[in-house]
Protein backbone atom coordinates (compact mmCIF):
# COMPACT_ATOMS: atom_id res chain seq x y z
CA MET A 1 -83.88 -10.55 13.57
CA ASP A 2 -80.80 -10.61 15.77
CA ILE A 3 -79.83 -13.81 17.61
CA TYR A 4 -81.12 -12.59 20.97
CA LYS A 5 -84.58 -11.78 19.64
CA GLU A 6 -84.70 -15.08 17.77
CA GLN A 7 -83.79 -17.03 20.92
CA MET A 8 -86.37 -15.15 23.00
CA ALA A 9 -89.06 -15.84 20.42
CA GLN A 10 -88.41 -19.59 20.77
CA GLU A 11 -88.54 -19.64 24.57
CA LEU A 12 -91.54 -19.52 26.84
CA PRO A 13 -92.22 -16.11 28.33
CA ARG A 14 -90.71 -15.36 31.73
CA LEU A 15 -93.37 -14.92 34.39
CA PHE A 16 -92.73 -13.34 37.76
CA ASP A 17 -94.92 -13.96 40.76
CA GLY A 18 -94.95 -11.45 43.57
CA ALA A 19 -95.69 -14.01 46.30
CA MET A 20 -92.38 -13.68 48.18
CA GLY A 21 -93.99 -11.77 51.06
CA THR A 22 -96.76 -14.34 51.37
CA LEU A 23 -94.32 -17.25 51.41
CA TYR A 24 -92.09 -15.43 53.90
CA ALA A 25 -95.05 -14.85 56.24
CA GLN A 26 -96.17 -18.48 55.95
CA SER A 27 -92.66 -19.87 56.45
CA THR A 28 -91.63 -17.68 59.37
CA GLY A 29 -94.88 -16.64 61.04
CA MET A 30 -93.73 -13.04 60.67
CA SER A 31 -95.51 -10.21 58.89
CA SER A 32 -95.10 -10.08 55.13
CA ASP A 33 -94.27 -6.39 55.64
CA LEU A 34 -90.88 -7.52 56.97
CA VAL A 35 -89.84 -9.33 53.79
CA GLU A 36 -88.12 -6.25 52.35
CA ALA A 37 -85.56 -6.27 55.15
CA ALA A 38 -85.34 -10.06 55.45
CA ASN A 39 -82.39 -10.29 53.04
CA VAL A 40 -80.36 -8.72 55.85
CA THR A 41 -82.27 -9.75 58.98
CA ASN A 42 -83.23 -13.31 58.02
CA PRO A 43 -81.17 -14.45 55.00
CA GLU A 44 -81.61 -18.14 55.86
CA ALA A 45 -85.38 -17.86 55.36
CA ILE A 46 -84.89 -16.08 52.04
CA ARG A 47 -82.44 -18.76 50.83
CA SER A 48 -84.86 -21.47 51.88
CA ILE A 49 -87.77 -19.89 50.01
CA HIS A 50 -85.65 -19.36 46.90
CA GLY A 51 -84.51 -22.98 47.13
CA ARG A 52 -88.14 -24.08 47.12
CA TYR A 53 -88.79 -21.95 44.04
CA LEU A 54 -85.79 -23.57 42.28
CA GLU A 55 -86.97 -27.06 43.24
CA ALA A 56 -90.34 -26.20 41.74
CA GLY A 57 -88.66 -25.30 38.43
CA ALA A 58 -88.19 -21.54 38.62
CA GLN A 59 -85.62 -20.20 36.17
CA CYS A 60 -85.42 -16.67 37.56
CA LEU A 61 -85.15 -15.38 41.12
CA LEU A 62 -85.51 -11.78 42.20
CA THR A 63 -84.63 -10.52 45.64
């Protein structure tokens, strides 16, 4: 087994939750349909939500 596979076998699996649109809608009062463009139109809200994920212990962020 190569080192990468060995390391991955010892770590917990990475789980991804698709709740970004829901959190965006709750945080901004805007439609979750707008979250796809929010990286450009509302980057402060996206940074804030990602910050909350990091504070909660997230190890991976996807935007």
